[in-house]
C-alpha atoms as a PDB file:
ATOM      1  CA  UNK A   1     -90.134   0.913  63.581  1.00  0.00           C
ATOM      2  CA  UNK A   2     -91.658   4.304  62.767  1.00  0.00           C
ATOM      3  CA  UNK A   3     -92.565   6.893  65.424  1.00  0.00           C
ATOM      4  CA  UNK A   4     -94.571  10.074  64.896  1.00  0.00           C
ATOM      5  CA  UNK A   5     -93.189  12.910  67.038  1.00  0.00           C
ATOM      6  CA  UNK A   6     -95.691  15.778  67.103  1.00  0.00           C
ATOM      7  CA  UNK A   7     -95.144  17.651  70.359  1.00  0.00           C
ATOM      8  CA  UNK A   8     -93.491  20.997  69.639  1.00  0.00           C
ATOM      9  CA  UNK A   9     -91.921  21.746  73.009  1.00  0.00           C
ATOM     10  CA  UNK A  10     -90.099  18.396  72.853  1.00  0.00           C
ATOM     11  CA  UNK A  11     -88.768  19.303  69.413  1.00  0.00           C
ATOM     12  CA  UNK A  12     -87.912  22.921  70.160  1.00  0.00           C
ATOM     13  CA  UNK A  13     -85.984  22.395  73.411  1.00  0.00           C
ATOM     14  CA  UNK A  14     -82.450  20.933  73.282  1.00  0.00           C
ATOM     15  CA  UNK A  15     -81.588  18.147  75.674  1.00  0.00           C
ATOM     16  CA  UNK A  16     -80.892  14.479  76.255  1.00  0.00           C
ATOM     17  CA  UNK A  17     -84.449  13.513  75.313  1.00  0.00           C
ATOM     18  CA  UNK A  18     -83.442  13.914  71.648  1.00  0.00           C
ATOM     19  CA  UNK A  19     -80.570  11.456  72.131  1.00  0.00           C
ATOM     20  CA  UNK A  20     -82.965   8.725  73.235  1.00  0.00           C
ATOM     21  CA  UNK A  21     -84.839   8.888  69.922  1.00  0.00           C
ATOM     22  CA  UNK A  22     -81.715   9.450  67.813  1.00  0.00           C
ATOM     23  CA  UNK A  23     -80.039   6.348  69.247  1.00  0.00           C
ATOM     24  CA  UNK A  24     -83.148   4.161  69.071  1.00  0.00           C
ATOM     25  CA  UNK A  25     -82.593   3.180  65.454  1.00  0.00           C
ATOM     26  CA  UNK A  26     -86.241   3.973  64.719  1.00  0.00           C
ATOM     27  CA  UNK A  27     -87.504   6.207  61.912  1.00  0.00           C
ATOM     28  CA  UNK A  28     -88.737   9.480  63.451  1.00  0.00           C
ATOM     29  CA  UNK A  29     -91.381  11.401  61.510  1.00  0.00           C
ATOM     30  CA  UNK A  30     -91.770  14.947  62.795  1.00  0.00           C
ATOM     31  CA  UNK A  31     -94.911  17.084  62.665  1.00  0.00           C
ATOM     32  CA  UNK A  32     -95.928  20.342  64.339  1.00  0.00           C
ATOM     33  CA  UNK A  33     -98.852  19.668  66.664  1.00  0.00           C
ATOM     34  CA  UNK A  34    -101.372  19.861  68.068  1.00  0.00           C
ATOM     35  CA  UNK A  35    -102.887  18.116  65.057  1.00  0.00           C
ATOM     36  CA  UNK A  36    -106.657  18.031  64.648  1.00  0.00           C
ATOM     37  CA  UNK A  37    -108.593  15.053  63.294  1.00  0.00           C
ATOM     38  CA  UNK A  38    -108.355  15.933  59.572  1.00  0.00           C
ATOM     39  CA  UNK A  39    -104.628  16.627  59.895  1.00  0.00           C
ATOM     40  CA  UNK A  40    -104.051  13.325  61.674  1.00  0.00           C
ATOM     41  CA  UNK A  41    -106.033  11.400  59.071  1.00  0.00           C
ATOM     42  CA  UNK A  42    -104.167  13.058  56.193  1.00  0.00           C
ATOM     43  CA  UNK A  43    -100.817  12.295  57.818  1.00  0.00           C
ATOM     44  CA  UNK A  44    -101.720   8.655  58.425  1.00  0.00           C
ATOM     45  CA  UNK A  45    -102.780   8.276  54.798  1.00  0.00           C
ATOM     46  CA  UNK A  46     -99.659   9.915  53.382  1.00  0.00           C
ATOM     47  CA  UNK A  47     -97.210   8.152  55.706  1.00  0.00           C
ATOM     48  CA  UNK A  48     -98.606   4.658  55.796  1.00  0.00           C
ATOM     49  CA  UNK A  49     -99.006   4.731  59.562  1.00  0.00           C
ATOM     50  CA  UNK A  50     -96.847   4.486  62.657  1.00  0.00           C
ATOM     51  CA  UNK A  51     -95.800   1.889  65.218  1.00  0.00           C
ATOM     52  CA  UNK A  52     -95.918   4.524  67.949  1.00  0.00           C
ATOM     53  CA  UNK A  53     -97.003   8.073  68.624  1.00  0.00           C
ATOM     54  CA  UNK A  54     -95.094  10.471  70.841  1.00  0.00           C
ATOM     55  CA  UNK A  55     -97.782  13.101  71.047  1.00  0.00           C
ATOM     56  CA  UNK A  56     -98.834  16.240  72.850  1.00  0.00           C
ATOM     57  CA  UNK A  57    -102.437  17.374  72.479  1.00  0.00           C
ATOM     58  CA  UNK A  58    -103.268  15.893  69.078  1.00  0.00           C
ATOM     59  CA  UNK A  59    -106.811  14.649  68.487  1.00  0.00           C
ATOM     60  CA  UNK A  60    -106.607  10.902  69.046  1.00  0.00           C
ATOM     61  CA  UNK A  61    -110.261   9.971  68.903  1.00  0.00           C
ATOM     62  CA  UNK A  62    -111.836   6.694  67.821  1.00  0.00           C
ATOM     63  CA  UNK A  63    -111.775   7.590  64.127  1.00  0.00           C
ATOM     64  CA  UNK A  64    -108.067   8.457  64.236  1.00  0.00           C
ATOM     65  CA  UNK A  65    -107.224   5.343  66.254  1.00  0.00           C
ATOM     66  CA  UNK A  66    -109.112   3.174  63.754  1.00  0.00           C
ATOM     67  CA  UNK A  67    -107.170   4.759  60.889  1.00  0.00           C
ATOM     68  CA  UNK A  68    -103.893   4.090  62.706  1.00  0.00           C
ATOM     69  CA  UNK A  69    -104.853   0.459  63.262  1.00  0.00           C
ATOM     70  CA  UNK A  70    -105.930   0.030  59.631  1.00  0.00           C
ATOM     71  CA  UNK A  71    -102.730   1.523  58.187  1.00  0.00           C
ATOM     72  CA  UNK A  72    -100.014  -0.696  56.644  1.00  0.00           C
ATOM     73  CA  UNK A  73     -97.830   0.124  59.640  1.00  0.00           C
ATOM     74  CA  UNK A  74    -100.203  -0.688  62.484  1.00  0.00           C
ATOM     75  CA  UNK A  75    -100.241   1.328  65.686  1.00  0.00           C
ATOM     76  CA  UNK A  76     -98.809  -0.453  68.724  1.00  0.00           C
ATOM     77  CA  UNK A  77     -98.524   2.267  71.382  1.00  0.00           C
ATOM     78  CA  UNK A  78     -99.441   5.868  72.250  1.00  0.00           C
ATOM     79  CA  UNK A  79     -96.913   7.745  74.397  1.00  0.00           C
ATOM     80  CA  UNK A  80     -98.282  11.002  75.756  1.00  0.00           C
ATOM     81  CA  UNK A  81     -95.763  13.756  76.410  1.00  0.00           C
ATOM     82  CA  UNK A  82     -97.337  14.962  79.664  1.00  0.00           C
ATOM     83  CA  UNK A  83    -100.027  13.753  82.021  1.00  0.00           C
ATOM     84  CA  UNK A  84    -103.293  15.168  80.637  1.00  0.00           C
ATOM     85  CA  UNK A  85    -105.059  12.481  78.588  1.00  0.00           C
ATOM     86  CA  UNK A  86    -108.249  14.287  77.609  1.00  0.00           C
ATOM     87  CA  UNK A  87    -107.180  14.634  73.945  1.00  0.00           C
ATOM     88  CA  UNK A  88    -106.914  10.829  73.755  1.00  0.00           C
ATOM     89  CA  UNK A  89    -109.911   8.502  73.740  1.00  0.00           C
ATOM     90  CA  UNK A  90    -108.262   6.281  76.341  1.00  0.00           C
ATOM     91  CA  UNK A  91    -111.358   4.109  76.732  1.00  0.00           C
ATOM     92  CA  UNK A  92    -111.408   3.334  73.031  1.00  0.00           C
ATOM     93  CA  UNK A  93    -107.654   2.762  72.893  1.00  0.00           C
ATOM     94  CA  UNK A  94    -108.000   0.340  75.807  1.00  0.00           C
ATOM     95  CA  UNK A  95    -110.788  -1.524  74.022  1.00  0.00           C
ATOM     96  CA  UNK A  96    -108.396  -1.986  71.103  1.00  0.00           C
ATOM     97  CA  UNK A  97    -105.590  -3.152  73.441  1.00  0.00           C
ATOM     98  CA  UNK A  98    -103.441  -0.080  72.664  1.00  0.00           C
ATOM     99  CA  UNK A  99    -101.277   0.937  75.642  1.00  0.00           C
ATOM    100  CA  UNK A 100    -101.372   4.619  76.537  1.00  0.00           C
ATOM    101  CA  UNK A 101     -98.166   5.730  78.237  1.00  0.00           C
ATOM    102  CA  UNK A 102     -97.702   9.018  80.109  1.00  0.00           C
ATOM    103  CA  UNK A 103     -95.261  10.983  82.264  1.00  0.00           C
ATOM    104  CA  UNK A 104     -96.515  11.591  85.808  1.00  0.00           C
ATOM    105  CA  UNK A 105     -94.340  13.368  88.334  1.00  0.00           C
ATOM    106  CA  UNK A 106     -92.317  15.573  85.984  1.00  0.00           C
ATOM    107  CA  UNK A 107     -94.027  18.952  85.661  1.00  0.00           C
ATOM    108  CA  UNK A 108     -95.652  19.846  88.986  1.00  0.00           C
ATOM    109  CA  UNK A 109     -92.956  22.359  89.940  1.00  0.00           C
ATOM    110  CA  UNK A 110     -93.151  24.447  86.798  1.00  0.00           C
ATOM    111  CA  UNK A 111     -96.963  24.355  86.494  1.00  0.00           C
ATOM    112  CA  UNK A 112     -97.279  25.443  90.128  1.00  0.00           C
ATOM    113  CA  UNK A 113     -94.924  28.354  89.361  1.00  0.00           C
ATOM    114  CA  UNK A 114     -97.081  29.257  86.353  1.00  0.00           C
ATOM    115  CA  UNK A 115    -100.166  29.183  88.558  1.00  0.00           C
ATOM    116  CA  UNK A 116     -98.665  31.560  91.111  1.00  0.00           C
ATOM    117  CA  UNK A 117     -97.320  33.792  88.346  1.00  0.00           C
ATOM    118  CA  UNK A 118    -100.763  34.110  86.752  1.00  0.00           C
ATOM    119  CA  UNK A 119    -102.276  34.761  90.166  1.00  0.00           C
ATOM    120  CA  UNK A 120     -99.907  37.655  90.838  1.00  0.00           C
ATOM    121  CA  UNK A 121    -100.298  39.013  87.304  1.00  0.00           C
ATOM    122  CA  UNK A 122    -104.081  39.058  87.664  1.00  0.00           C
ATOM    123  CA  UNK A 123    -104.055  40.578  91.138  1.00  0.00           C
ATOM    124  CA  UNK A 124    -101.743  43.411  90.030  1.00  0.00           C
ATOM    125  CA  UNK A 125    -103.330  43.996  86.574  1.00  0.00           C
ATOM    126  CA  UNK A 126    -100.076  43.196  84.762  1.00  0.00           C
ATOM    127  CA  UNK A 127    -101.698  42.771  81.354  1.00  0.00           C
ATOM    128  CA  UNK A 128    -103.384  46.191  80.964  1.00  0.00           C
ATOM    129  CA  UNK A 129    -100.453  47.910  82.678  1.00  0.00           C
ATOM    130  CA  UNK A 130     -97.843  46.350  80.407  1.00  0.00           C
ATOM    131  CA  UNK A 131     -99.920  46.921  77.287  1.00  0.00           C
ATOM    132  CA  UNK A 132    -100.632  50.600  77.999  1.00  0.00           C
ATOM    133  CA  UNK A 133     -97.107  51.430  79.178  1.00  0.00           C
ATOM    134  CA  UNK A 134     -95.554  49.909  76.061  1.00  0.00           C
ATOM    135  CA  UNK A 135     -97.975  52.042  74.045  1.00  0.00           C
ATOM    136  CA  UNK A 136     -96.433  55.141  75.637  1.00  0.00           C
ATOM    137  CA  UNK A 137     -99.195  55.711  78.184  1.00  0.00           C
ATOM    138  CA  UNK A 138     -99.094  55.947  81.983  1.00  0.00           C
ATOM    139  CA  UNK A 139    -102.376  54.371  83.089  1.00  0.00           C
ATOM    140  CA  UNK A 140    -102.518  52.944  86.576  1.00  0.00           C
ATOM    141  CA  UNK A 141    -105.141  50.662  88.065  1.00  0.00           C
ATOM    142  CA  UNK A 142    -105.245  49.663  91.729  1.00  0.00           C
ATOM    143  CA  UNK A 143    -104.525  45.997  92.368  1.00  0.00           C
ATOM    144  CA  UNK A 144    -105.035  43.702  95.334  1.00  0.00           C
ATOM    145  CA  UNK A 145    -102.760  41.763  97.664  1.00  0.00           C
ATOM    146  CA  UNK A 146    -102.715  38.005  97.908  1.00  0.00           C
ATOM    147  CA  UNK A 147    -101.439  38.072 101.490  1.00  0.00           C
ATOM    148  CA  UNK A 148    -104.197  37.045 103.877  1.00  0.00           C
ATOM    149  CA  UNK A 149    -106.464  35.823 101.083  1.00  0.00           C
ATOM    150  CA  UNK A 150    -107.988  32.333 100.946  1.00  0.00           C
ATOM    151  CA  UNK A 151    -106.904  30.143  98.042  1.00  0.00           C
ATOM    152  CA  UNK A 152    -109.308  27.404  97.047  1.00  0.00           C
ATOM    153  CA  UNK A 153    -107.788  24.507  95.129  1.00  0.00           C
ATOM    154  CA  UNK A 154    -110.137  22.311  93.108  1.00  0.00           C
ATOM    155  CA  UNK A 155    -107.990  19.212  92.802  1.00  0.00           C
ATOM    156  CA  UNK A 156    -105.011  18.587  95.062  1.00  0.00           C
ATOM    157  CA  UNK A 157    -102.784  16.134  93.290  1.00  0.00           C
ATOM    158  CA  UNK A 158     -99.122  16.790  92.563  1.00  0.00           C
ATOM    159  CA  UNK A 159     -99.623  20.245  91.008  1.00  0.00           C
ATOM    160  CA  UNK A 160    -102.232  21.294  93.541  1.00  0.00           C
ATOM    161  CA  UNK A 161     -99.883  20.386  96.372  1.00  0.00           C
ATOM    162  CA  UNK A 162     -96.975  22.364  94.933  1.00  0.00           C
ATOM    163  CA  UNK A 163     -99.289  25.340  94.408  1.00  0.00           C
ATOM    164  CA  UNK A 164    -100.418  25.097  98.031  1.00  0.00           C
ATOM    165  CA  UNK A 165     -96.816  25.226  99.270  1.00  0.00           C
ATOM    166  CA  UNK A 166     -96.091  28.376  97.289  1.00  0.00           C
ATOM    167  CA  UNK A 167     -99.346  30.041  98.306  1.00  0.00           C
ATOM    168  CA  UNK A 168     -98.526  29.484 101.962  1.00  0.00           C
ATOM    169  CA  UNK A 169     -95.205  31.257 101.393  1.00  0.00           C
ATOM    170  CA  UNK A 170     -97.238  34.261 100.195  1.00  0.00           C
ATOM    171  CA  UNK A 171     -99.209  34.269 103.442  1.00  0.00           C
ATOM    172  CA  UNK A 172    -102.392  32.792 102.009  1.00  0.00           C
ATOM    173  CA  UNK A 173    -104.789  30.387 103.708  1.00  0.00           C
ATOM    174  CA  UNK A 174    -105.342  27.225 101.652  1.00  0.00           C
ATOM    175  CA  UNK A 175    -108.550  25.232 101.370  1.00  0.00           C
ATOM    176  CA  UNK A 176    -109.134  22.430  98.896  1.00  0.00           C
ATOM    177  CA  UNK A 177    -111.660  20.027  97.406  1.00  0.00           C
ATOM    178  CA  UNK A 178    -110.600  16.721  95.922  1.00  0.00           C
ATOM    179  CA  UNK A 179    -111.670  13.101  95.822  1.00  0.00           C
ATOM    180  CA  UNK A 180    -108.054  12.147  96.433  1.00  0.00           C
ATOM    181  CA  UNK A 181    -106.941  13.460  99.820  1.00  0.00           C
ATOM    182  CA  UNK A 182    -103.450  13.139 101.285  1.00  0.00           C
ATOM    183  CA  UNK A 183    -104.108  13.387 105.027  1.00  0.00           C
ATOM    184  CA  UNK A 184    -100.438  13.695 105.947  1.00  0.00           C
ATOM    185  CA  UNK A 185     -99.851  16.506 103.446  1.00  0.00           C
ATOM    186  CA  UNK A 186    -102.972  18.383 104.533  1.00  0.00           C
ATOM    187  CA  UNK A 187    -101.902  18.149 108.168  1.00  0.00           C
ATOM    188  CA  UNK A 188     -98.320  19.237 107.488  1.00  0.00           C
ATOM    189  CA  UNK A 189     -99.349  22.262 105.413  1.00  0.00           C
ATOM    190  CA  UNK A 190    -102.569  23.110 107.254  1.00  0.00           C
ATOM    191  CA  UNK A 191    -104.787  22.623 104.185  1.00  0.00           C
ATOM    192  CA  UNK A 192    -108.464  22.547 105.088  1.00  0.00           C
ATOM    193  CA  UNK A 193    -110.666  20.078 103.252  1.00  0.00           C
ATOM    194  CA  UNK A 194    -114.035  21.200 101.890  1.00  0.00           C
ATOM    195  CA  UNK A 195    -116.839  18.702 101.389  1.00  0.00           C
ATOM    196  CA  UNK A 196    -118.180  20.137  98.132  1.00  0.00           C
ATOM    197  CA  UNK A 197    -117.072  22.437  95.328  1.00  0.00           C
ATOM    198  CA  UNK A 198    -119.808  24.860  96.359  1.00  0.00           C
ATOM    199  CA  UNK A 199    -118.448  25.054  99.916  1.00  0.00           C
ATOM    200  CA  UNK A 200    -115.051  25.933  98.513  1.00  0.00           C
ATOM    201  CA  UNK A 201    -116.380  28.525  96.061  1.00  0.00           C
ATOM    202  CA  UNK A 202    -118.289  30.342  98.796  1.00  0.00           C
ATOM    203  CA  UNK A 203    -115.156  30.819 100.893  1.00  0.00           C
ATOM    204  CA  UNK A 204    -112.277  31.285  98.442  1.00  0.00           C
ATOM    205  CA  UNK A 205    -110.934  34.681  97.392  1.00  0.00           C
ATOM    206  CA  UNK A 206    -108.883  32.932  94.718  1.00  0.00           C
ATOM    207  CA  UNK A 207    -110.022  29.732  92.988  1.00  0.00           C
ATOM    208  CA  UNK A 208    -107.424  27.633  91.153  1.00  0.00           C
ATOM    209  CA  UNK A 209    -108.337  24.645  88.984  1.00  0.00           C
ATOM    210  CA  UNK A 210    -106.160  21.515  89.113  1.00  0.00           C
ATOM    211  CA  UNK A 211    -108.470  18.692  88.105  1.00  0.00           C
ATOM    212  CA  UNK A 212    -109.026  16.521  85.046  1.00  0.00           C
ATOM    213  CA  UNK A 213    -111.816  16.966  82.502  1.00  0.00           C
ATOM    214  CA  UNK A 214    -114.481  14.321  83.022  1.00  0.00           C
ATOM    215  CA  UNK A 215    -118.218  14.166  82.421  1.00  0.00           C
ATOM    216  CA  UNK A 216    -118.618  15.558  85.946  1.00  0.00           C
ATOM    217  CA  UNK A 217    -116.073  18.395  85.674  1.00  0.00           C
ATOM    218  CA  UNK A 218    -116.625  19.633  82.112  1.00  0.00           C
ATOM    219  CA  UNK A 219    -118.013  23.163  82.387  1.00  0.00           C
ATOM    220  CA  UNK A 220    -117.570  23.048  86.173  1.00  0.00           C
ATOM    221  CA  UNK A 221    -117.184  26.831  86.336  1.00  0.00           C
ATOM    222  CA  UNK A 222    -120.320  28.246  84.749  1.00  0.00           C
ATOM    223  CA  UNK A 223    -122.866  30.982  85.444  1.00  0.00           C
ATOM    224  CA  UNK A 224    -124.414  28.957  88.273  1.00  0.00           C
ATOM    225  CA  UNK A 225    -121.182  28.161  90.099  1.00  0.00           C
ATOM    226  CA  UNK A 226    -119.844  31.676  89.466  1.00  0.00           C
ATOM    227  CA  UNK A 227    -122.950  33.004  91.235  1.00  0.00           C
ATOM    228  CA  UNK A 228    -121.859  31.059  94.335  1.00  0.00           C
ATOM    229  CA  UNK A 229    -118.371  32.593  94.300  1.00  0.00           C
ATOM    230  CA  UNK A 230    -117.381  35.664  96.268  1.00  0.00           C
ATOM    231  CA  UNK A 231    -117.709  38.970  94.500  1.00  0.00           C
ATOM    232  CA  UNK A 232    -114.340  40.005  92.994  1.00  0.00           C
ATOM    233  CA  UNK A 233    -112.883  36.499  93.319  1.00  0.00           C
ATOM    234  CA  UNK A 234    -109.891  35.634  91.143  1.00  0.00           C
ATOM    235  CA  UNK A 235    -110.148  32.534  88.937  1.00  0.00           C
ATOM    236  CA  UNK A 236    -107.002  30.704  87.782  1.00  0.00           C
ATOM    237  CA  UNK A 237    -106.841  27.754  85.379  1.00  0.00           C
ATOM    238  CA  UNK A 238    -103.650  25.886  84.507  1.00  0.00           C
ATOM    239  CA  UNK A 239    -105.463  22.556  84.065  1.00  0.00           C
ATOM    240  CA  UNK A 240    -107.797  22.363  81.063  1.00  0.00           C
ATOM    241  CA  UNK A 241    -109.890  24.921  79.203  1.00  0.00           C
ATOM    242  CA  UNK A 242    -112.967  22.698  79.142  1.00  0.00           C
ATOM    243  CA  UNK A 243    -113.327  23.017  82.930  1.00  0.00           C
ATOM    244  CA  UNK A 244    -115.003  26.387  82.380  1.00  0.00           C
ATOM    245  CA  UNK A 245    -117.793  27.749  80.196  1.00  0.00           C
ATOM    246  CA  UNK A 246    -115.868  30.480  78.416  1.00  0.00           C
ATOM    247  CA  UNK A 247    -118.830  32.771  77.742  1.00  0.00           C
ATOM    248  CA  UNK A 248    -119.970  32.643  81.358  1.00  0.00           C
ATOM    249  CA  UNK A 249    -116.482  33.498  82.626  1.00  0.00           C
ATOM    250  CA  UNK A 250    -116.165  36.322  80.086  1.00  0.00           C
ATOM    251  CA  UNK A 251    -119.521  37.767  81.160  1.00  0.00           C
ATOM    252  CA  UNK A 252    -118.528  37.582  84.839  1.00  0.00           C
ATOM    253  CA  UNK A 253    -115.235  39.371  84.154  1.00  0.00           C
ATOM    254  CA  UNK A 254    -116.934  42.110  82.135  1.00  0.00           C
ATOM    255  CA  UNK A 255    -119.629  42.637  84.756  1.00  0.00           C
ATOM    256  CA  UNK A 256    -117.149  42.813  87.623  1.00  0.00           C
ATOM    257  CA  UNK A 257    -118.528  39.752  89.410  1.00  0.00           C
ATOM    258  CA  UNK A 258    -115.057  38.235  88.999  1.00  0.00           C
ATOM    259  CA  UNK A 259    -111.895  40.281  89.572  1.00  0.00           C
ATOM    260  CA  UNK A 260    -110.615  38.437  86.534  1.00  0.00           C
ATOM    261  CA  UNK A 261    -109.575  35.169  84.951  1.00  0.00           C
ATOM    262  CA  UNK A 262    -106.013  34.019  84.278  1.00  0.00           C
ATOM    263  CA  UNK A 263    -105.420  30.824  82.319  1.00  0.00           C
ATOM    264  CA  UNK A 264    -102.763  28.854  80.523  1.00  0.00           C
ATOM    265  CA  UNK A 265    -105.360  26.815  78.628  1.00  0.00           C
ATOM    266  CA  UNK A 266    -108.322  27.214  76.292  1.00  0.00           C
ATOM    267  CA  UNK A 267    -111.094  24.793  75.388  1.00  0.00           C
ATOM    268  CA  UNK A 268    -109.904  24.821  71.771  1.00  0.00           C
ATOM    269  CA  UNK A 269    -106.168  25.208  71.225  1.00  0.00           C
ATOM    270  CA  UNK A 270    -104.494  27.021  69.556  1.00  0.00           C
ATOM    271  CA  UNK A 271    -106.727  30.073  70.004  1.00  0.00           C
ATOM    272  CA  UNK A 272    -109.243  30.659  67.219  1.00  0.00           C
ATOM    273  CA  UNK A 273    -109.564  34.388  66.553  1.00  0.00           C
ATOM    274  CA  UNK A 274    -111.788  36.227  67.034  1.00  0.00           C
ATOM    275  CA  UNK A 275    -112.118  34.892  70.584  1.00  0.00           C
ATOM    276  CA  UNK A 276    -114.411  36.128  73.322  1.00  0.00           C
ATOM    277  CA  UNK A 277    -111.446  36.701  75.668  1.00  0.00           C
ATOM    278  CA  UNK A 278    -109.365  38.879  73.370  1.00  0.00           C
ATOM    279  CA  UNK A 279    -110.671  42.338  74.252  1.00  0.00           C
ATOM    280  CA  UNK A 280    -111.258  41.835  77.987  1.00  0.00           C
ATOM    281  CA  UNK A 281    -108.433  43.399  79.998  1.00  0.00           C
ATOM    282  CA  UNK A 282    -109.060  41.412  83.168  1.00  0.00           C
ATOM    283  CA  UNK A 283    -108.623  38.120  81.331  1.00  0.00           C
ATOM    284  CA  UNK A 284    -105.055  36.866  80.871  1.00  0.00           C
ATOM    285  CA  UNK A 285    -104.325  33.864  78.659  1.00  0.00           C
ATOM    286  CA  UNK A 286    -100.938  32.296  77.988  1.00  0.00           C
ATOM    287  CA  UNK A 287    -100.471  29.681  75.204  1.00  0.00           C
ATOM    288  CA  UNK A 288    -100.310  26.477  77.288  1.00  0.00           C
ATOM    289  CA  UNK A 289     -96.703  27.002  78.347  1.00  0.00           C
ATOM    290  CA  UNK A 290     -97.022  26.154  82.048  1.00  0.00           C
ATOM    291  CA  UNK A 291     -94.789  23.114  81.712  1.00  0.00           C
ATOM    292  CA  UNK A 292     -92.648  24.564  78.925  1.00  0.00           C
ATOM    293  CA  UNK A 293     -89.384  25.266  80.715  1.00  0.00           C
ATOM    294  CA  UNK A 294     -85.946  23.950  79.857  1.00  0.00           C
ATOM    295  CA  UNK A 295     -85.960  21.837  82.999  1.00  0.00           C
ATOM    296  CA  UNK A 296     -89.475  20.460  82.721  1.00  0.00           C
ATOM    297  CA  UNK A 297     -89.315  19.754  78.990  1.00  0.00           C
ATOM    298  CA  UNK A 298     -86.213  17.639  79.489  1.00  0.00           C
ATOM    299  CA  UNK A 299     -87.814  15.716  82.382  1.00  0.00           C
ATOM    300  CA  UNK A 300     -91.006  15.106  80.407  1.00  0.00           C
ATOM    301  CA  UNK A 301     -89.136  14.455  77.187  1.00  0.00           C
ATOM    302  CA  UNK A 302     -86.810  11.884  78.723  1.00  0.00           C
ATOM    303  CA  UNK A 303     -89.675  10.021  80.358  1.00  0.00           C
ATOM    304  CA  UNK A 304     -91.831  10.101  77.202  1.00  0.00           C
ATOM    305  CA  UNK A 305     -88.970   9.093  74.885  1.00  0.00           C
ATOM    306  CA  UNK A 306     -87.853   6.298  77.186  1.00  0.00           C
ATOM    307  CA  UNK A 307     -91.469   5.167  77.526  1.00  0.00           C
ATOM    308  CA  UNK A 308     -91.983   4.646  73.793  1.00  0.00           C
ATOM    309  CA  UNK A 309     -88.516   3.324  72.975  1.00  0.00           C
ATOM    310  CA  UNK A 310     -88.512   0.873  75.874  1.00  0.00           C
ATOM    311  CA  UNK A 311     -91.992  -0.361  75.026  1.00  0.00           C
ATOM    312  CA  UNK A 312     -91.215  -0.907  71.352  1.00  0.00           C
ATOM    313  CA  UNK A 313     -87.942  -2.664  72.207  1.00  0.00           C
ATOM    314  CA  UNK A 314     -89.646  -4.930  74.727  1.00  0.00           C
ATOM    315  CA  UNK A 315     -88.070  -3.416  77.851  1.00  0.00           C
ATOM    316  CA  UNK A 316     -90.135  -2.989  81.011  1.00  0.00           C
ATOM    317  CA  UNK A 317     -89.238   0.586  81.973  1.00  0.00           C
ATOM    318  CA  UNK A 318     -92.307   2.562  80.905  1.00  0.00           C
ATOM    319  CA  UNK A 319     -95.318   4.108  82.671  1.00  0.00           C
ATOM    320  CA  UNK A 320     -98.743   3.041  81.423  1.00  0.00           C
ATOM    321  CA  UNK A 321    -101.947   4.942  82.151  1.00  0.00           C
ATOM    322  CA  UNK A 322    -104.483   2.327  81.040  1.00  0.00           C
ATOM    323  CA  UNK A 323    -104.917  -1.313  81.965  1.00  0.00           C
ATOM    324  CA  UNK A 324    -106.378  -4.154  79.920  1.00  0.00           C
END
C-alpha cells in the first residue's frame, strides 16, 4: 500500500499520529502541500499513483481524481486532514465510488480561540500598532471594546458554538443564522436566531463566518451585503476565503464602511503577492493556522491517520463524509 501524505501541519508537529503511519507497514510518500492541480498531476505521473491520500487543501478535482484512478496504483480512498471539503470534488469522488474520510469534532476549540483572538486584534488595531512600534515609532490609534457589542454568527455548528461561548464570556450578545439549529444550545446560551443573513447583518456589530462554501454561500459577503451591515462593523473569517469577495471587502475597509477585516483564510492559498490586502492596515490575515496547535494537530492527525489506515486494512473505525 502507498499513501501520499501532503498536509504540512501533520508532518511538522510531533505526536502519536506519526506512529500510526509508521506502524502501518505502508509506504508513505511525503510532499509539502497544498498542491495545485499541475503539481498533483506531476506527482501522480512520477510516483505511479497512490492507494490513499492523507491530504490537507490540495486540489482534488475531477481531472486529478481521474489521473489517480488511471495510475498503475489505483486510488482507493481520500482521507482529509480536517473537516473542510471544498478543495475536494466530493460529488465526483462519490460518482467514482471513492470514499472521502474526514475528521469532525477535533478542532472547534482552537478555531474558536483563533476567531476570538482575531476579533480582539482587529478591535484594538494590533497589526498597525505592532508594526509601527517594532519600527521604532510610537503611533497610537483608538480601538473599540467588544463588551456590550452584538456578535452575529453565520453558521452555528461546532466552531460557531464554541465561539459563542467565548463571546458571552466577553460580555457580548450573540445572534446567529444557520440552517442547522440546536434549540437546546441556543436556549442554554441565550443565542437569538435570525431568519435571514440580511437580518443578522443589520444588527451585528461583529460578523463572524462559520459556514461551508457552497453555490449559495460563495461570495456571500460582497458589496451588496456589506451595504446592509452596520457602519464600522468588524468582519471575521476563520472558515473559507471564498465566502467573501476580496475586492469588495478591501474597498469597504479602505473607505471606513467596515472597521476592518480579520481572517485566517484566503480564496487562493498560499497568498499570491501582490495581494489587494497587503497594504491595508485594518485588514489582518494569518496563514490558515486556526487549527494548527500542538493539541489540535494531534487530535486531527490521529483521527485522519486512523481513518486511512483502518480503511485500507479493512477495519471499520473510520469517519466517512460521503455516501454511495
